[in-house]
C-alpha cells in the first residue's frame, strides 16, 4: 500500500469486450470497463448478473473466451492467476478460503513467500509491511490467532490483507461487507478508502449499497451478464433503469 501522487487520468486496469461462457451459457458478454489509479469503482447488479464471474475472469481464475485485459502496459490476457497477481492484480474471495492451521501472521508471511519474491522471509521489510497491513485492517489483536478461529468480520478483513500482501495496483474485492456488523464495515470502509488514497485502484462488488456508495467514485451495473449502465455513483443508483432492474422501483436500497 504505497502512498504518493498518482496520475488518475491513465487507467490502471482496462477490460475490453470480455465474454465468458460456461458450456452453452453466457455468463458475461461485451463487458468493457476501466479502473484508474486511486479510483474506487462499484460493480453492482442482481444475483446471477455475472459480477463474481467478471472479477474471476480479470484475475485469471476463469477463462474469457473473448476480450482483453491490460494492467498499465502489461497484457494480462492469457496469463495465469499467479502471474496476474505478480503483475499487480489482487483478489479477495466472496467465500473466504480456509487457511488451515496457520495464524493470521503466518498466513500473510506464507503469502509473501509465494508472491513477493522481492521480500526475504523474516526480513525487516517484510515484517514492517505485514505489521502495517495488520494495523490498517485492525487485525493486530488477532495476529497470533488461527485463521479458522476468527469471526466472519475478521476473516473478511484478513482476506483483504492477504490480497494486499502482493502490493497490487488494482484490488478486486468481492462482497467484503457481507455478514459484517456496522462497526466492522466502518473499519473496512476506512481501510479501503486509505488504500485508494494511496493510489490503488479498487473494483468493488457489494450488495450493501450504503457501504458501496460511501466509497465508490463510479458505479457499473450488470444485468443478465450485460452492462446496463455506468457513471457517477449517485447518478447510477438513482437512475430509472437501476431502480427498476436492481433496486426495485418501490423498494428502499439495502
Protein backbone atom coordinates (compact mmCIF):
# COMPACT_ATOMS: atom_id res chain seq x y z
CA UNK A 1 0.00 0.00 0.00
CA UNK A 2 2.22 2.72 -1.28
CA UNK A 3 1.08 6.30 -0.82
CA UNK A 4 2.07 9.02 -3.22
CA UNK A 5 0.89 11.11 -6.12
CA UNK A 6 -0.91 9.20 -8.86
CA UNK A 7 -1.95 10.03 -12.41
CA UNK A 8 -5.65 9.24 -12.14
CA UNK A 9 -6.25 10.00 -15.84
CA UNK A 10 -4.40 6.87 -17.04
CA UNK A 11 -6.34 3.63 -16.46
CA UNK A 12 -4.56 1.12 -14.26
CA UNK A 13 -6.89 -1.64 -15.42
CA UNK A 14 -8.61 -1.91 -18.79
CA UNK A 15 -11.18 -4.59 -19.67
CA UNK A 16 -12.27 -4.68 -23.32
CA UNK A 17 -15.27 -6.57 -24.76
CA UNK A 18 -14.99 -9.54 -22.41
CA UNK A 19 -17.22 -12.58 -22.76
CA UNK A 20 -17.25 -15.64 -20.51
CA UNK A 21 -19.21 -18.75 -21.41
CA UNK A 22 -19.81 -21.90 -19.38
CA UNK A 23 -20.76 -24.51 -21.95
CA UNK A 24 -23.80 -23.11 -23.71
CA UNK A 25 -24.46 -20.47 -21.06
CA UNK A 26 -23.09 -16.95 -21.47
CA UNK A 27 -22.23 -15.54 -18.03
CA UNK A 28 -20.99 -12.10 -19.16
CA UNK A 29 -20.79 -10.59 -22.63
CA UNK A 30 -19.40 -7.44 -24.23
CA UNK A 31 -18.20 -6.03 -20.91
CA UNK A 32 -15.74 -3.13 -21.04
CA UNK A 33 -14.61 -1.04 -18.09
CA UNK A 34 -11.63 0.79 -16.64
CA UNK A 35 -10.32 1.36 -13.13
CA UNK A 36 -7.89 4.26 -12.75
CA UNK A 37 -5.19 4.52 -10.08
CA UNK A 38 -6.77 5.66 -6.82
CA UNK A 39 -10.32 5.15 -8.12
CA UNK A 40 -13.00 3.00 -6.47
CA UNK A 41 -15.44 1.54 -8.99
CA UNK A 42 -18.53 -0.18 -7.63
CA UNK A 43 -19.78 -3.23 -9.55
CA UNK A 44 -23.42 -4.00 -8.75
CA UNK A 45 -26.31 -5.99 -10.11
CA UNK A 46 -28.81 -8.71 -9.17
CA UNK A 47 -27.66 -12.15 -8.09
CA UNK A 48 -26.52 -14.04 -11.17
CA UNK A 49 -25.69 -10.86 -13.09
CA UNK A 50 -22.10 -12.01 -13.63
CA UNK A 51 -20.25 -9.81 -11.14
CA UNK A 52 -18.15 -12.52 -9.46
CA UNK A 53 -17.53 -14.18 -12.82
CA UNK A 54 -16.15 -10.91 -14.18
CA UNK A 55 -13.80 -10.49 -11.20
CA UNK A 56 -12.53 -14.05 -11.62
CA UNK A 57 -12.03 -13.51 -15.35
CA UNK A 58 -9.97 -10.37 -14.66
CA UNK A 59 -7.91 -12.32 -12.12
CA UNK A 60 -7.44 -15.29 -14.45
CA UNK A 61 -9.37 -17.83 -12.38
CA UNK A 62 -11.89 -18.39 -15.18
CA UNK A 63 -11.22 -18.21 -18.90
CA UNK A 64 -12.69 -15.44 -21.00
CA UNK A 65 -13.46 -16.71 -24.49
CA UNK A 66 -13.46 -13.18 -25.90
CA UNK A 67 -11.88 -9.85 -24.96
CA UNK A 68 -8.68 -8.48 -23.47
CA UNK A 69 -7.31 -7.44 -20.08
CA UNK A 70 -4.50 -4.94 -19.58
CA UNK A 71 -2.87 -3.52 -16.46
CA UNK A 72 -1.00 -0.39 -17.45
CA UNK A 73 1.33 -1.53 -20.24
CA UNK A 74 1.10 -5.20 -19.24
CA UNK A 75 -1.05 -7.53 -21.31
CA UNK A 76 -2.83 -9.84 -18.86
CA UNK A 77 -4.84 -11.81 -21.41
CA UNK A 78 -3.78 -15.45 -21.30
CA UNK A 79 -1.75 -15.15 -18.09
CA UNK A 80 -2.39 -17.44 -15.11
CA UNK A 81 -3.84 -16.22 -11.82
CA UNK A 82 -0.40 -16.30 -10.19
CA UNK A 83 1.22 -14.29 -12.99
CA UNK A 84 -1.59 -11.73 -12.89
CA UNK A 85 -1.07 -11.38 -9.13
CA UNK A 86 2.62 -10.79 -9.70
CA UNK A 87 1.75 -8.23 -12.39
CA UNK A 88 -0.33 -6.27 -9.87
CA UNK A 89 -3.81 -7.76 -9.56
CA UNK A 90 -5.16 -8.53 -6.07
CA UNK A 91 -8.35 -10.53 -5.41
CA UNK A 92 -10.46 -11.30 -2.38
CA UNK A 93 -12.96 -14.12 -2.42
CA UNK A 94 -16.72 -13.98 -1.78
CA UNK A 95 -16.41 -17.15 0.30
CA UNK A 96 -13.23 -16.82 2.43
CA UNK A 97 -10.66 -19.55 1.79
CA UNK A 98 -9.70 -21.81 4.68
CA UNK A 99 -6.14 -21.09 5.75
CA UNK A 100 -5.85 -24.34 7.75
CA UNK A 101 -3.85 -24.27 10.96
CA UNK A 102 -1.82 -21.12 10.26
CA UNK A 103 -2.19 -17.96 12.30
CA UNK A 104 -3.03 -14.65 10.67
CA UNK A 105 0.62 -13.53 10.67
CA UNK A 106 1.88 -16.91 9.44
CA UNK A 107 -0.58 -16.93 6.56
CA UNK A 108 0.43 -13.42 5.49
CA UNK A 109 4.13 -14.39 5.59
CA UNK A 110 3.31 -17.53 3.57
CA UNK A 111 1.56 -15.35 1.00
CA UNK A 112 4.59 -13.08 0.88
CA UNK A 113 6.87 -16.03 0.16
CA UNK A 114 4.54 -17.21 -2.59
CA UNK A 115 4.15 -13.93 -4.46
CA UNK A 116 6.55 -11.19 -3.29
CA UNK A 117 9.84 -12.64 -4.49
CA UNK A 118 11.49 -9.29 -3.69
CA UNK A 119 10.84 -9.92 0.00
CA UNK A 120 13.14 -12.10 2.03
CA UNK A 121 11.15 -14.14 4.58
CA UNK A 122 11.77 -12.71 8.02
CA UNK A 123 13.42 -9.58 6.66
CA UNK A 124 12.73 -6.21 8.24
CA UNK A 125 10.97 -5.08 5.08
CA UNK A 126 8.51 -7.98 5.12
CA UNK A 127 7.93 -7.68 8.86
CA UNK A 128 7.22 -3.96 8.62
CA UNK A 129 4.91 -4.39 5.64
CA UNK A 130 2.86 -7.11 7.32
CA UNK A 131 2.72 -5.14 10.57
CA UNK A 132 1.31 -2.23 8.55
CA UNK A 133 -1.36 -4.47 6.98
CA UNK A 134 -2.39 -5.78 10.39
CA UNK A 135 -2.62 -2.24 11.73
CA UNK A 136 -4.50 -0.80 8.75
CA UNK A 137 -7.11 -3.56 8.81
CA UNK A 138 -7.46 -3.63 12.61
CA UNK A 139 -6.08 -7.17 12.86
CA UNK A 140 -3.23 -6.59 15.31
CA UNK A 141 -5.17 -8.09 18.22
CA UNK A 142 -5.71 -11.36 16.33
CA UNK A 143 -2.30 -11.64 14.64
CA UNK A 144 -1.45 -14.81 16.60
CA UNK A 145 -4.87 -16.39 16.30
CA UNK A 146 -5.55 -19.24 13.86
CA UNK A 147 -7.48 -18.01 10.83
CA UNK A 148 -10.37 -20.54 11.21
CA UNK A 149 -10.95 -19.19 14.73
CA UNK A 150 -11.64 -15.63 13.57
CA UNK A 151 -15.05 -14.02 13.43
CA UNK A 152 -16.61 -13.52 9.99
CA UNK A 153 -15.76 -9.82 10.05
CA UNK A 154 -12.15 -10.58 10.97
CA UNK A 155 -11.90 -13.22 8.25
CA UNK A 156 -13.15 -10.79 5.61
CA UNK A 157 -10.62 -8.17 6.69
CA UNK A 158 -7.95 -10.88 6.68
CA UNK A 159 -8.92 -11.75 3.09
CA UNK A 160 -8.26 -8.12 2.12
CA UNK A 161 -4.92 -8.18 3.97
CA UNK A 162 -3.91 -11.38 2.20
CA UNK A 163 -4.73 -9.84 -1.19
CA UNK A 164 -2.68 -6.75 -0.31
CA UNK A 165 0.48 -8.70 0.52
CA UNK A 166 1.33 -8.63 -3.18
CA UNK A 167 1.10 -4.81 -3.16
CA UNK A 168 -1.40 -4.78 -6.05
CA UNK A 169 -2.01 -1.89 -8.42
CA UNK A 170 -5.68 -2.90 -8.59
CA UNK A 171 -7.64 -4.74 -5.91
CA UNK A 172 -10.70 -6.79 -6.87
CA UNK A 173 -12.98 -7.09 -3.83
CA UNK A 174 -15.97 -9.44 -3.79
CA UNK A 175 -18.68 -8.57 -1.23
CA UNK A 176 -16.32 -7.74 1.64
CA UNK A 177 -19.02 -6.28 3.91
CA UNK A 178 -21.29 -9.33 3.71
CA UNK A 179 -22.12 -10.53 7.24
CA UNK A 180 -20.23 -7.69 8.94
CA UNK A 181 -21.57 -5.60 11.77
CA UNK A 182 -21.90 -1.86 11.18
CA UNK A 183 -18.74 -1.18 13.20
CA UNK A 184 -16.74 -3.82 11.30
CA UNK A 185 -17.94 -2.37 7.99
CA UNK A 186 -16.74 1.09 9.06
CA UNK A 187 -13.26 -0.28 9.79
CA UNK A 188 -13.10 -1.96 6.38
CA UNK A 189 -14.50 1.08 4.57
CA UNK A 190 -11.85 3.31 6.13
CA UNK A 191 -9.10 0.84 5.15
CA UNK A 192 -10.28 0.70 1.53
CA UNK A 193 -10.52 4.49 1.40
CA UNK A 194 -6.92 4.79 2.63
CA UNK A 195 -5.86 2.24 0.05
CA UNK A 196 -7.44 4.24 -2.77
CA UNK A 197 -5.96 7.48 -1.40
CA UNK A 198 -2.55 5.81 -1.73
CA UNK A 199 -3.11 5.22 -5.45
CA UNK A 200 -4.50 1.69 -5.64
CA UNK A 201 -7.49 1.15 -7.91
CA UNK A 202 -10.38 -0.81 -6.37
CA UNK A 203 -13.11 -2.73 -8.20
CA UNK A 204 -15.72 -3.44 -5.54
CA UNK A 205 -18.62 -5.90 -5.78
CA UNK A 206 -21.03 -5.20 -2.95
CA UNK A 207 -24.76 -5.61 -2.24
CA UNK A 208 -24.56 -3.28 0.76
CA UNK A 209 -25.47 -0.10 -1.12
CA UNK A 210 -24.69 2.40 1.69
CA UNK A 211 -21.25 0.77 2.09
CA UNK A 212 -20.61 0.90 -1.65
CA UNK A 213 -21.95 4.41 -2.21
CA UNK A 214 -19.74 5.81 0.58
CA UNK A 215 -16.64 4.56 -1.26
CA UNK A 216 -17.27 4.34 -4.99
CA UNK A 217 -16.39 7.19 -7.34
CA UNK A 218 -18.21 5.44 -10.16
CA UNK A 219 -20.65 2.54 -10.44
CA UNK A 220 -21.03 -0.09 -13.15
CA UNK A 221 -24.26 -2.10 -13.22
CA UNK A 222 -24.53 -5.58 -14.74
CA UNK A 223 -27.84 -7.22 -15.55
CA UNK A 224 -28.08 -10.72 -17.06
CA UNK A 225 -24.38 -10.61 -17.90
CA UNK A 226 -24.52 -7.33 -19.80
CA UNK A 227 -23.56 -3.79 -18.90
CA UNK A 228 -26.76 -1.95 -18.04
CA UNK A 229 -25.44 1.49 -17.08
CA UNK A 230 -22.32 3.17 -15.69
CA UNK A 231 -21.45 6.62 -14.39
CA UNK A 232 -21.12 8.64 -11.19
CA UNK A 233 -22.31 6.51 -8.28
CA UNK A 234 -25.19 8.71 -7.15
CA UNK A 235 -26.44 9.20 -10.72
CA UNK A 236 -26.35 5.47 -11.39
CA UNK A 237 -28.06 4.43 -8.16
CA UNK A 238 -30.90 6.91 -8.64
CA UNK A 239 -31.39 6.18 -12.34
CA UNK A 240 -34.65 4.64 -13.53
CA UNK A 241 -33.02 1.56 -15.13
CA UNK A 242 -31.24 0.65 -11.89
CA UNK A 243 -34.26 1.33 -9.71
CA UNK A 244 -36.35 -0.96 -11.92
CA UNK A 245 -33.84 -3.69 -12.71
CA UNK A 246 -31.87 -3.93 -9.50
CA UNK A 247 -33.10 -1.93 -6.52
CA UNK A 248 -36.78 -2.15 -7.42
CA UNK A 249 -38.80 0.96 -8.23
CA UNK A 250 -40.66 0.95 -4.90
CA UNK A 251 -38.01 -0.53 -2.59
CA UNK A 252 -35.61 1.24 -0.31
CA UNK A 253 -31.97 0.41 -1.22
CA UNK A 254 -30.35 -2.01 1.23
